[in-house]
Every structure is written in C-alpha cells, then in structure tokens.
Amino acid sequence: MILTRPIAALGRNVLQLLAAIGRVVIFAGQTVSHLFRPPYYHREFFQALVQIGWLSLPVVGLTALFTGGALALQIYAGGARFSAEAVVPSIVAIGMVRELGPVLGGLMVAARVASSIAAELGTMKVTEQIDALVTLSTNPMKYLTLPRVLAATLAVPVLVAVGDAIGIFGGYIVGVTRLDFNAAAYLKNTVDFLEFWDVASGLFKGAAFGFLVALMGCYYGMNSGRGAQGVGRATKAAVVSASVLILAANYILTEVFFSA
C-alpha cells in the first residue's frame, strides 16, 4: 500500500494535467467558433487592439533595442576568437527576426497583457458583471474573449515587426559607434543575409504567441476563483502559463520551419 501511494499521486497529477489541457483546448475551440457567428462587437475589438498593440509598443521597443545592442556585443566578442567579427550584422539580423524578436516580444506582451486581461475578467466575475451579461442575453465569450484574442493575434505580429526593426537598429548603433563597423557595410550585410522566410517565420510566431497570451488571460480570468485571492491566483497562472506556452510553441514552430 505504501509503495503504491507515490504512483497513485503521480497518476492523479497526470490526470489533472490532461483534464486542464482538455479544458483549455475546449475553451480555445469555443472562442474560435464565435469568429464565424454574429453578432460582432467592433468597439470592444478596437479597444482591445489599442490596449494590446499600441500601449505595448514602448516596452517591446525598449526590450528589442537593448537586446539588439547586447547581441551585437556578444557576437563580436565570440567571433573575435575565430577572426569572424564580420558576421555580427548578419547574425544580429537573423537572430532578432527568427528568435529574439518574437520570443522576447511575446514574453513582454504576456507579462503586460495576460495579467491585465486575467485581472480584468476575474474582477468582472467576482463582481458578477459576467453574470449580468448573461442576463442581458450577451454571450460573455463573444463579448469579452473573442475581441481580445483576435486583437492580440493581429497586434503581436505588428509589435514583433517593429521590435525586429528596433533590435536591428540597436545592433547597428552598437556596431557603428562601439565596434567600428562601417555604417554602409553594416546595413548592406544586414540586407544581403536576411531572407523573406526569416522575417515571415517570426511574424507567424508572433501571431501564435499573441493568440496564446490572450487565450490564457481570458481562460484564467473567466475561470477565476472568488475574492481577491482568486483574482490574484488567476493573474499569476495566466502569466506563467502564457510564458511557458510561448517557449514551448517557439520550439515546435522552429522545428517545423527550420528543421533539416
């Protein structure tokens, strides 16, 4: 009996994990299904677009700027060991658009947006505003969830594109001012080594990350526990889940896009 307790506990945890994954998948399916059925709440969508996209631009831009500069310094220091300092422009550009731009942009949006959505919807649930929507014959999934998920899916790729450009510019500033690169040669190497699929794959990742961020915020907000502690737990769980899913999805998408 004593020997079977750890196995039973492990089994319960696995079943709970699978059940949680099933609930999230069902929630995602219900959210996407409302995209094809009216009515549509355009005002809620545009408000979410401003909150998620425009207001996230400063933090994403600053993150990309310093990341691009630090990446240039690191690549130069590493390349100097093999007399390969000239690869700095191309590696900074490829690293930003393929990986660092989408991932760091997604994580910054997750920290800002997933927590905000979960706290907002959790508070609405605690104060019974979601129940009030139901009594007014308004579907909470269509009114609250779909606009936020759709806005994040469309806004995050734009944020990633802007972040990519700012990150490459950060590497350019460091390369020209600190590492004595010729400005014209730096820009030429950047353009010559970037391919269309490098940029497109990063934007596709951004759309997937935006979907995951908003989905986790809405899921935990709509299923928040009662009281301030319930809202706090929902907010924390939304950020952690969104961040882990972004990293997992990044590996899967990288494997799909760039595997030999």
Protein backbone atom coordinates (compact mmCIF):
# COMPACT_ATOMS: atom_id res chain seq x y z
CA MET A 1 0.00 0.00 0.00
CA ILE A 2 2.80 2.40 0.89
CA LEU A 3 4.62 1.64 -2.36
CA THR A 4 1.57 2.39 -4.48
CA ARG A 5 0.89 5.83 -2.96
CA PRO A 6 3.57 7.69 -4.99
CA ILE A 7 2.34 6.01 -8.17
CA ALA A 8 -1.26 6.93 -7.34
CA ALA A 9 -0.25 10.52 -6.62
CA LEU A 10 1.64 10.70 -9.93
CA GLY A 11 -1.36 9.28 -11.75
CA ARG A 12 -3.68 11.86 -10.19
CA ASN A 13 -1.36 14.68 -11.20
CA VAL A 14 -1.13 13.39 -14.77
CA LEU A 15 -4.91 13.09 -15.00
CA GLN A 16 -5.34 16.60 -13.61
CA LEU A 17 -2.86 17.94 -16.15
CA LEU A 18 -4.64 16.20 -19.03
CA ALA A 19 -8.00 17.48 -17.79
CA ALA A 20 -6.63 21.04 -17.62
CA ILE A 21 -5.24 20.75 -21.16
CA GLY A 22 -8.63 19.48 -22.33
CA ARG A 23 -10.44 22.42 -20.73
CA VAL A 24 -8.08 24.91 -22.39
CA VAL A 25 -8.48 23.24 -25.79
CA ILE A 26 -12.28 23.29 -25.47
CA PHE A 27 -12.14 26.96 -24.41
CA ALA A 28 -9.95 27.77 -27.44
CA GLY A 29 -12.31 25.90 -29.76
CA GLN A 30 -15.32 27.77 -28.40
CA THR A 31 -13.51 31.09 -28.80
CA VAL A 32 -12.56 30.44 -32.41
CA SER A 33 -16.06 29.16 -33.27
CA HIS A 34 -17.57 32.53 -32.31
CA LEU A 35 -15.46 34.17 -35.00
CA PHE A 36 -17.83 32.80 -37.64
CA ARG A 37 -21.11 33.66 -35.91
CA PRO A 38 -22.56 37.17 -35.47
CA PRO A 39 -23.04 39.47 -33.68
CA TYR A 40 -19.64 41.14 -33.64
CA TYR A 41 -18.58 43.76 -31.11
CA HIS A 42 -16.33 46.09 -33.08
CA ARG A 43 -15.94 48.63 -30.30
CA GLU A 44 -14.59 46.01 -27.91
CA PHE A 45 -12.22 44.76 -30.61
CA PHE A 46 -10.72 48.18 -31.35
CA GLN A 47 -10.37 48.99 -27.66
CA ALA A 48 -8.50 45.70 -27.17
CA LEU A 49 -6.37 46.46 -30.22
CA VAL A 50 -5.24 49.76 -28.68
CA GLN A 51 -4.66 48.24 -25.24
CA ILE A 52 -2.71 45.25 -26.52
CA GLY A 53 -0.95 46.74 -29.52
CA TRP A 54 -0.31 50.44 -29.20
CA LEU A 55 0.20 50.57 -25.43
CA SER A 56 2.60 47.60 -25.52
CA LEU A 57 4.85 49.27 -28.09
CA PRO A 58 7.14 51.15 -25.62
CA VAL A 59 8.09 48.09 -23.58
CA VAL A 60 8.56 45.91 -26.67
CA GLY A 61 10.63 48.60 -28.38
CA LEU A 62 12.93 49.19 -25.40
CA THR A 63 13.39 45.46 -24.90
CA ALA A 64 14.31 44.97 -28.57
CA LEU A 65 16.67 47.96 -28.62
CA PHE A 66 18.79 46.80 -25.70
CA THR A 67 18.64 43.17 -26.83
CA GLY A 68 19.96 44.05 -30.29
CA GLY A 69 22.80 46.06 -28.79
CA ALA A 70 23.76 43.34 -26.32
CA LEU A 71 23.55 40.71 -29.05
CA ALA A 72 25.98 42.67 -31.23
CA LEU A 73 28.48 42.90 -28.36
CA GLN A 74 28.20 39.18 -27.57
CA ILE A 75 28.56 38.06 -31.18
CA TYR A 76 31.55 40.34 -31.72
CA ALA A 77 33.25 39.01 -28.58
CA GLY A 78 32.60 35.42 -29.63
CA GLY A 79 33.50 35.96 -33.27
CA ALA A 80 36.79 37.61 -32.32
CA ARG A 81 38.03 34.24 -31.04
CA PHE A 82 37.80 32.87 -34.59
CA SER A 83 38.56 36.08 -36.52
CA ALA A 84 34.91 36.17 -37.62
CA GLU A 85 33.89 39.63 -36.41
CA ALA A 86 32.35 40.40 -39.82
CA VAL A 87 29.38 38.11 -39.12
CA VAL A 88 27.96 40.49 -36.50
CA PRO A 89 25.44 42.28 -38.80
CA SER A 90 24.04 39.11 -40.34
CA ILE A 91 23.79 37.15 -37.08
CA VAL A 92 22.16 40.06 -35.24
CA ALA A 93 19.57 40.40 -38.00
CA ILE A 94 18.82 36.69 -38.28
CA GLY A 95 18.78 36.20 -34.51
CA MET A 96 16.37 39.09 -33.99
CA VAL A 97 13.84 38.24 -36.69
CA ARG A 98 13.85 34.47 -36.17
CA GLU A 99 14.04 34.10 -32.40
CA LEU A 100 14.71 37.01 -30.08
CA GLY A 101 12.21 39.44 -31.60
CA PRO A 102 9.20 37.08 -31.49
CA VAL A 103 10.08 35.39 -28.19
CA LEU A 104 11.01 38.46 -26.19
CA GLY A 105 8.15 40.43 -27.70
CA GLY A 106 5.75 37.64 -26.81
CA LEU A 107 7.06 37.40 -23.26
CA MET A 108 6.80 41.16 -22.73
CA VAL A 109 3.23 41.14 -24.04
CA ALA A 110 2.47 38.15 -21.82
CA ALA A 111 3.73 39.99 -18.75
CA ARG A 112 1.69 43.06 -19.58
CA VAL A 113 -1.41 41.77 -21.35
CA ALA A 114 -2.12 38.31 -19.91
CA SER A 115 -2.04 39.67 -16.38
CA SER A 116 -4.21 42.64 -17.32
CA ILE A 117 -6.83 40.51 -19.07
CA ALA A 118 -6.94 37.93 -16.29
CA ALA A 119 -7.27 40.60 -13.60
CA GLU A 120 -9.97 42.47 -15.53
CA LEU A 121 -12.10 39.45 -16.33
CA GLY A 122 -11.50 37.93 -12.90
CA THR A 123 -12.73 41.12 -11.25
CA MET A 124 -15.75 41.14 -13.53
CA LYS A 125 -16.54 37.60 -12.47
CA VAL A 126 -16.11 38.37 -8.76
CA THR A 127 -18.39 41.40 -9.03
CA GLU A 128 -20.93 39.34 -11.06
CA GLN A 129 -20.65 41.54 -14.14
CA ILE A 130 -20.26 38.44 -16.31
CA ASP A 131 -23.47 37.04 -14.86
CA ALA A 132 -25.11 40.36 -15.69
CA LEU A 133 -24.06 39.97 -19.33
CA VAL A 134 -25.74 36.57 -19.43
CA THR A 135 -28.99 38.03 -18.05
CA LEU A 136 -28.83 40.64 -20.84
CA SER A 137 -28.63 37.82 -23.43
CA THR A 138 -25.00 38.68 -24.26
CA ASN A 139 -22.58 35.82 -24.69
CA PRO A 140 -19.52 36.54 -22.47
CA MET A 141 -17.25 34.52 -24.76
CA LYS A 142 -18.24 36.60 -27.79
CA TYR A 143 -18.26 39.94 -25.96
CA LEU A 144 -15.18 39.56 -23.74
CA THR A 145 -12.98 36.75 -25.04
CA LEU A 146 -13.15 36.86 -28.84
CA PRO A 147 -12.27 40.58 -29.26
CA ARG A 148 -9.22 40.25 -27.01
CA VAL A 149 -7.94 37.05 -28.61
CA LEU A 150 -8.47 38.36 -32.14
CA ALA A 151 -6.84 41.71 -31.30
CA ALA A 152 -3.79 40.02 -29.76
CA THR A 153 -3.43 37.64 -32.71
CA LEU A 154 -3.35 40.60 -35.11
CA ALA A 155 -1.41 43.09 -32.96
CA VAL A 156 1.51 40.99 -31.73
CA PRO A 157 2.94 40.29 -35.25
CA VAL A 158 2.99 44.05 -35.84
CA LEU A 159 4.76 44.53 -32.50
CA VAL A 160 7.24 41.81 -33.49
CA ALA A 161 7.94 43.53 -36.82
CA VAL A 162 8.55 46.86 -35.09
CA GLY A 163 10.66 45.14 -32.44
CA ASP A 164 12.74 43.39 -35.11
CA ALA A 165 13.49 46.72 -36.79
CA ILE A 166 14.35 48.42 -33.48
CA GLY A 167 16.52 45.46 -32.40
CA ILE A 168 18.47 45.50 -35.65
CA PHE A 169 18.84 49.26 -35.25
CA GLY A 170 20.18 48.71 -31.73
CA GLY A 171 22.79 46.33 -33.12
CA TYR A 172 23.61 48.87 -35.82
CA ILE A 173 24.18 51.64 -33.25
CA VAL A 174 26.49 49.45 -31.19
CA GLY A 175 28.28 48.11 -34.26
CA VAL A 176 28.98 51.55 -35.71
CA THR A 177 29.70 53.50 -32.52
CA ARG A 178 31.37 50.87 -30.32
CA LEU A 179 32.76 48.21 -32.67
CA ASP A 180 33.98 50.48 -35.51
CA PHE A 181 31.90 48.95 -38.30
CA ASN A 182 31.38 50.95 -41.46
CA ALA A 183 27.75 52.11 -41.45
CA ALA A 184 27.06 51.36 -45.13
CA ALA A 185 28.76 47.95 -44.97
CA TYR A 186 26.82 47.04 -41.82
CA LEU A 187 23.48 47.83 -43.48
CA LYS A 188 24.48 46.01 -46.69
CA ASN A 189 25.41 42.83 -44.78
CA THR A 190 22.13 43.01 -42.87
CA VAL A 191 20.05 43.25 -46.05
CA ASP A 192 22.07 40.69 -48.01
CA PHE A 193 21.81 37.90 -45.43
CA LEU A 194 18.14 38.32 -44.49
CA GLU A 195 15.66 36.21 -46.45
CA PHE A 196 11.91 36.55 -46.74
CA TRP A 197 11.20 33.38 -44.77
CA ASP A 198 13.35 34.61 -41.87
CA VAL A 199 11.01 37.57 -41.41
CA ALA A 200 7.80 35.70 -42.25
CA SER A 201 8.50 32.91 -39.76
CA GLY A 202 8.98 35.46 -36.99
CA LEU A 203 5.70 37.18 -37.81
CA PHE A 204 3.88 33.86 -37.85
CA LYS A 205 5.34 33.09 -34.44
CA GLY A 206 4.13 36.47 -33.25
CA ALA A 207 0.56 35.65 -34.30
CA ALA A 208 0.70 32.31 -32.49
CA PHE A 209 2.16 33.91 -29.36
CA GLY A 210 -0.46 36.65 -29.36
CA PHE A 211 -3.22 34.04 -29.58
CA LEU A 212 -1.74 32.10 -26.65
CA VAL A 213 -1.25 35.19 -24.49
CA ALA A 214 -4.81 36.44 -24.85
CA LEU A 215 -6.26 32.94 -24.61
CA MET A 216 -4.52 32.28 -21.29
CA GLY A 217 -5.55 35.66 -19.92
CA CYS A 218 -9.17 35.10 -20.88
CA TYR A 219 -9.26 31.48 -19.73
CA TYR A 220 -7.93 32.15 -16.25
CA GLY A 221 -9.92 35.36 -15.93
CA MET A 222 -13.20 33.66 -16.88
CA ASN A 223 -12.44 30.77 -14.50
CA SER A 224 -11.15 32.91 -11.65
CA GLY A 225 -11.89 31.95 -8.07
CA ARG A 226 -13.97 34.17 -5.83
CA GLY A 227 -12.44 37.02 -3.89
CA ALA A 228 -9.20 38.95 -4.19
CA GLN A 229 -7.09 35.81 -3.71
CA GLY A 230 -8.86 34.08 -6.58
CA VAL A 231 -8.18 37.01 -8.90
CA GLY A 232 -4.53 37.09 -7.78
CA ARG A 233 -4.08 33.37 -8.46
CA ALA A 234 -5.73 33.72 -11.86
CA THR A 235 -3.42 36.59 -12.80
CA LYS A 236 -0.31 34.68 -11.75
CA ALA A 237 -1.42 31.50 -13.51
CA ALA A 238 -2.19 33.41 -16.72
CA VAL A 239 1.29 34.94 -16.94
CA VAL A 240 3.10 31.71 -16.07
CA SER A 241 1.03 29.60 -18.46
CA ALA A 242 1.35 32.10 -21.31
CA SER A 243 5.13 32.35 -20.85
CA VAL A 244 5.64 28.57 -20.77
CA LEU A 245 3.38 28.05 -23.79
CA ILE A 246 5.26 30.72 -25.73
CA LEU A 247 8.58 28.95 -25.14
CA ALA A 248 7.10 25.55 -25.98
CA ALA A 249 5.37 26.85 -29.10
CA ASN A 250 8.57 28.59 -30.16
CA TYR A 251 10.46 25.30 -30.16
CA ILE A 252 7.68 23.50 -32.05
CA LEU A 253 7.38 26.23 -34.69
CA THR A 254 11.17 26.44 -35.07
CA GLU A 255 11.28 22.68 -35.58
CA VAL A 256 8.55 22.95 -38.22
CA PHE A 257 10.04 25.94 -40.06
CA PHE A 258 13.78 25.22 -39.95
CA SER A 259 14.30 21.51 -39.37
CA ALA A 260 16.59 19.92 -41.93
